[in-house]
Amino acid sequence: MNKFKLSAIVLAISLAYSVNGMAQNLSKTEYKAAGKTIGAEYKTAKGACGSFADNAKDICMAEAKGKEKVANAELDARYKPSKKATYKVSVTKAEAEYAVAKEKCDDKSGNVKDVCVKEAKAALVRAKADAKAQLKTSKANAAANETSSEAQMKAKEKGSEARKDAAADKRDADFAVAKEKCDALAGNAKESCMNQAKMQYGK
């Protein structure tokens, strides 16, 4: 399975994203200043995309926009830290990677393109499912820490359910990719491919 990684999202905006600074809360003034820096970085990146043409330009724009969105999400998480803010960062990164991966698929055609798009979508679903499971588990654990042993047991159950839900979402996404790959075949080969995919993903 291909994994799509957004190489452009390095988040090298030193003013707002030094390793040491990530754990520190920001003042309102620092928050606004960092936001302006992110905006300026985006304008520069967007302008640089003008030197490209066709799909290469689309990919460049998706990378620039993705970098901006992730930077803003991480900035918000630093300004007002919370489990939900951390979740939003993970989802924003996944969506940014998906946007770029989908644009890159436009360079392909036919079933190869269809598979590429499905794989990009599957990567997005997996990342979101993991982020959601982590959010639910952390919330349940936090609640359990403040109450009884019975609540702690319920928290473990919720965490287990969240992980099962995430696994189901990821399995569905992977099955969609497998089906798309089978579409490139015909006759008995296609039927055999589909049966194998159904068996592998419990469909």
Protein backbone atom coordinates (compact mmCIF):
# COMPACT_ATOMS: atom_id res chain seq x y z
CA MET A 1 0.00 0.00 0.00
CA ASN A 2 1.42 3.38 -0.95
CA LYS A 3 1.66 5.93 1.77
CA PHE A 4 1.24 9.54 0.76
CA LYS A 5 3.43 11.98 2.59
CA LEU A 6 3.30 15.69 2.10
CA SER A 7 6.98 16.55 1.86
CA ALA A 8 6.17 20.24 1.69
CA ILE A 9 4.71 20.23 5.19
CA VAL A 10 7.96 20.63 7.06
CA LEU A 11 6.63 23.50 9.17
CA ALA A 12 9.96 25.27 9.24
CA ILE A 13 8.53 28.59 10.36
CA SER A 14 11.11 29.08 13.08
CA LEU A 15 9.31 31.98 14.76
CA ALA A 16 6.27 29.91 15.54
CA TYR A 17 7.47 26.33 15.33
CA SER A 18 10.76 25.74 17.09
CA VAL A 19 10.94 22.37 18.85
CA ASN A 20 11.32 24.01 22.22
CA GLY A 21 8.49 26.43 21.58
CA MET A 22 5.93 23.76 20.75
CA ALA A 23 5.26 22.99 24.41
CA GLN A 24 4.85 26.62 25.42
CA ASN A 25 1.65 28.62 25.43
CA LEU A 26 1.56 31.82 23.39
CA SER A 27 0.45 35.28 24.39
CA LYS A 28 -2.18 36.94 22.22
CA THR A 29 0.48 39.21 20.71
CA GLU A 30 2.72 36.25 19.86
CA TYR A 31 -0.25 34.38 18.42
CA LYS A 32 -1.16 37.25 16.09
CA ALA A 33 2.46 37.73 15.03
CA ALA A 34 2.86 34.05 14.24
CA GLY A 35 -0.39 34.13 12.26
CA LYS A 36 0.94 36.98 10.13
CA THR A 37 4.16 35.06 9.54
CA ILE A 38 2.19 32.02 8.36
CA GLY A 39 0.15 34.25 6.03
CA ALA A 40 3.32 35.77 4.59
CA GLU A 41 4.86 32.33 4.10
CA TYR A 42 1.76 31.21 2.23
CA LYS A 43 1.78 34.24 -0.08
CA THR A 44 5.44 33.57 -0.90
CA ALA A 45 4.80 29.88 -1.58
CA LYS A 46 1.72 30.69 -3.65
CA GLY A 47 3.69 33.19 -5.70
CA ALA A 48 6.40 30.62 -6.37
CA CYS A 49 3.77 28.32 -7.90
CA GLY A 50 3.41 30.81 -10.73
CA SER A 51 6.58 29.42 -12.31
CA PHE A 52 4.84 26.07 -12.86
CA ALA A 53 2.17 25.12 -15.37
CA ASP A 54 -0.77 22.72 -15.63
CA ASN A 55 -0.92 19.98 -12.97
CA ALA A 56 2.51 20.82 -11.57
CA LYS A 57 1.05 24.20 -10.62
CA ASP A 58 -2.00 22.55 -9.04
CA ILE A 59 0.26 20.31 -6.95
CA CYS A 60 2.34 23.29 -5.88
CA MET A 61 -0.78 25.22 -4.85
CA ALA A 62 -2.12 22.23 -2.89
CA GLU A 63 1.20 21.94 -1.05
CA ALA A 64 1.27 25.66 -0.25
CA LYS A 65 -2.34 25.65 0.98
CA GLY A 66 -1.76 22.47 2.98
CA LYS A 67 1.29 23.93 4.67
CA GLU A 68 -0.68 27.04 5.62
CA LYS A 69 -3.61 25.05 7.05
CA VAL A 70 -1.36 22.76 9.11
CA ALA A 71 0.66 25.71 10.38
CA ASN A 72 -2.51 27.50 11.48
CA ALA A 73 -3.89 24.37 13.15
CA GLU A 74 -0.65 23.87 15.09
CA LEU A 75 -0.60 27.54 16.00
CA ASP A 76 -4.14 27.29 17.39
CA ALA A 77 -3.13 24.18 19.34
CA ARG A 78 -0.26 26.08 20.92
CA TYR A 79 -2.40 29.11 21.70
CA LYS A 80 -5.25 27.12 23.26
CA PRO A 81 -3.98 23.57 23.94
CA SER A 82 -6.63 20.86 24.17
CA LYS A 83 -7.25 17.29 23.11
CA LYS A 84 -9.61 18.59 20.42
CA ALA A 85 -6.95 20.98 19.11
CA THR A 86 -4.46 18.12 18.88
CA TYR A 87 -7.07 16.08 17.02
CA LYS A 88 -7.64 18.97 14.61
CA VAL A 89 -3.91 19.13 13.85
CA SER A 90 -3.85 15.43 12.97
CA VAL A 91 -6.93 15.72 10.74
CA THR A 92 -5.65 18.86 9.04
CA LYS A 93 -2.34 17.14 8.24
CA ALA A 94 -4.19 14.15 6.80
CA GLU A 95 -6.42 16.37 4.66
CA ALA A 96 -3.44 18.37 3.43
CA GLU A 97 -1.62 15.19 2.43
CA TYR A 98 -4.76 13.92 0.69
CA ALA A 99 -5.19 17.14 -1.30
CA VAL A 100 -1.64 16.89 -2.64
CA ALA A 101 -1.84 13.15 -3.29
CA LYS A 102 -5.10 13.59 -5.23
CA GLU A 103 -3.53 16.28 -7.41
CA LYS A 104 -0.58 13.98 -8.12
CA CYS A 105 -3.04 11.31 -9.27
CA ASP A 106 -4.12 13.67 -12.07
CA ASP A 107 -0.82 12.89 -13.80
CA LYS A 108 -2.07 9.33 -14.27
CA SER A 109 -4.97 7.94 -16.31
CA GLY A 110 -7.44 5.07 -16.47
CA ASN A 111 -7.47 2.43 -13.76
CA VAL A 112 -4.02 3.50 -12.54
CA LYS A 113 -5.48 6.92 -11.73
CA ASP A 114 -8.56 5.36 -10.10
CA VAL A 115 -6.36 3.19 -7.86
CA CYS A 116 -4.18 6.20 -7.04
CA VAL A 117 -7.22 8.20 -5.92
CA LYS A 118 -8.59 5.29 -3.87
CA GLU A 119 -5.21 4.81 -2.17
CA ALA A 120 -5.05 8.52 -1.37
CA LYS A 121 -8.57 8.34 0.07
CA ALA A 122 -7.69 5.21 2.07
CA ALA A 123 -4.68 6.98 3.57
CA LEU A 124 -6.96 9.87 4.58
CA VAL A 125 -9.54 7.54 6.13
CA ARG A 126 -6.85 5.66 8.09
CA ALA A 127 -5.31 8.86 9.43
CA LYS A 128 -8.69 10.29 10.45
CA ALA A 129 -9.76 7.02 12.05
CA ASP A 130 -6.57 6.86 14.11
CA ALA A 131 -6.95 10.50 15.18
CA LYS A 132 -10.58 9.95 16.19
CA ALA A 133 -9.73 6.81 18.17
CA GLN A 134 -6.91 8.63 19.94
CA LEU A 135 -9.22 11.54 20.83
CA LYS A 136 -11.92 9.25 22.23
CA THR A 137 -9.39 7.21 24.19
CA SER A 138 -7.67 10.25 25.70
CA LYS A 139 -11.02 11.79 26.69
CA ALA A 140 -12.17 8.55 28.31
CA ASN A 141 -8.89 8.18 30.19
CA ALA A 142 -9.04 11.77 31.41
CA ALA A 143 -12.56 11.26 32.73
CA ALA A 144 -11.57 8.00 34.38
CA ASN A 145 -8.67 9.60 36.21
CA GLU A 146 -11.14 11.81 38.03
CA THR A 147 -13.56 9.10 39.09
CA SER A 148 -13.84 5.52 40.31
CA SER A 149 -12.34 2.22 39.23
CA GLU A 150 -15.67 1.40 37.56
CA ALA A 151 -15.31 4.49 35.40
CA GLN A 152 -11.75 3.47 34.56
CA MET A 153 -13.06 0.12 33.34
CA LYS A 154 -15.64 1.93 31.18
CA ALA A 155 -12.87 4.16 29.83
CA LYS A 156 -10.94 1.09 28.73
CA GLU A 157 -14.06 -0.25 27.05
CA LYS A 158 -14.60 3.05 25.21
CA GLY A 159 -10.99 3.06 24.11
CA SER A 160 -11.34 -0.50 22.84
CA GLU A 161 -14.55 0.39 20.97
CA ALA A 162 -12.90 3.43 19.43
CA ARG A 163 -10.00 1.32 18.19
CA LYS A 164 -12.44 -1.25 16.75
CA ASP A 165 -14.33 1.52 14.93
CA ALA A 166 -11.07 2.87 13.55
CA ALA A 167 -10.05 -0.60 12.37
CA ALA A 168 -13.42 -1.04 10.61
CA ASP A 169 -13.08 2.33 8.84
CA LYS A 170 -9.56 1.49 7.70
CA ARG A 171 -10.62 -1.98 6.55
CA ASP A 172 -13.43 -0.48 4.44
CA ALA A 173 -11.02 1.99 2.85
CA ASP A 174 -8.49 -0.74 2.04
CA PHE A 175 -11.25 -2.90 0.56
CA ALA A 176 -12.23 -0.02 -1.74
CA VAL A 177 -8.62 0.12 -2.99
CA ALA A 178 -8.56 -3.66 -3.56
CA LYS A 179 -11.85 -3.51 -5.52
CA GLU A 180 -10.48 -0.74 -7.73
CA LYS A 181 -7.40 -2.82 -8.50
CA CYS A 182 -9.63 -5.77 -9.45
CA ASP A 183 -11.43 -3.55 -11.96
CA ALA A 184 -8.30 -3.58 -14.10
CA LEU A 185 -8.83 -7.32 -14.63
CA ALA A 186 -11.50 -9.24 -16.54
CA GLY A 187 -13.35 -12.54 -16.49
CA ASN A 188 -12.22 -15.23 -14.05
CA ALA A 189 -9.20 -13.21 -12.99
CA LYS A 190 -11.43 -10.33 -11.89
CA GLU A 191 -13.84 -12.67 -10.11
CA SER A 192 -10.97 -14.40 -8.32
CA CYS A 193 -9.49 -11.03 -7.36
CA MET A 194 -12.80 -9.84 -5.91
CA ASN A 195 -13.32 -13.08 -3.95
CA GLN A 196 -9.85 -12.81 -2.49
CA ALA A 197 -10.43 -9.16 -1.56
CA LYS A 198 -13.75 -10.00 0.10
CA MET A 199 -12.15 -12.81 2.07
CA GLN A 200 -9.21 -10.64 3.12
CA TYR A 201 -11.39 -7.79 4.35
CA GLY A 202 -14.29 -9.84 5.69
CA LYS A 203 -16.88 -8.68 3.15
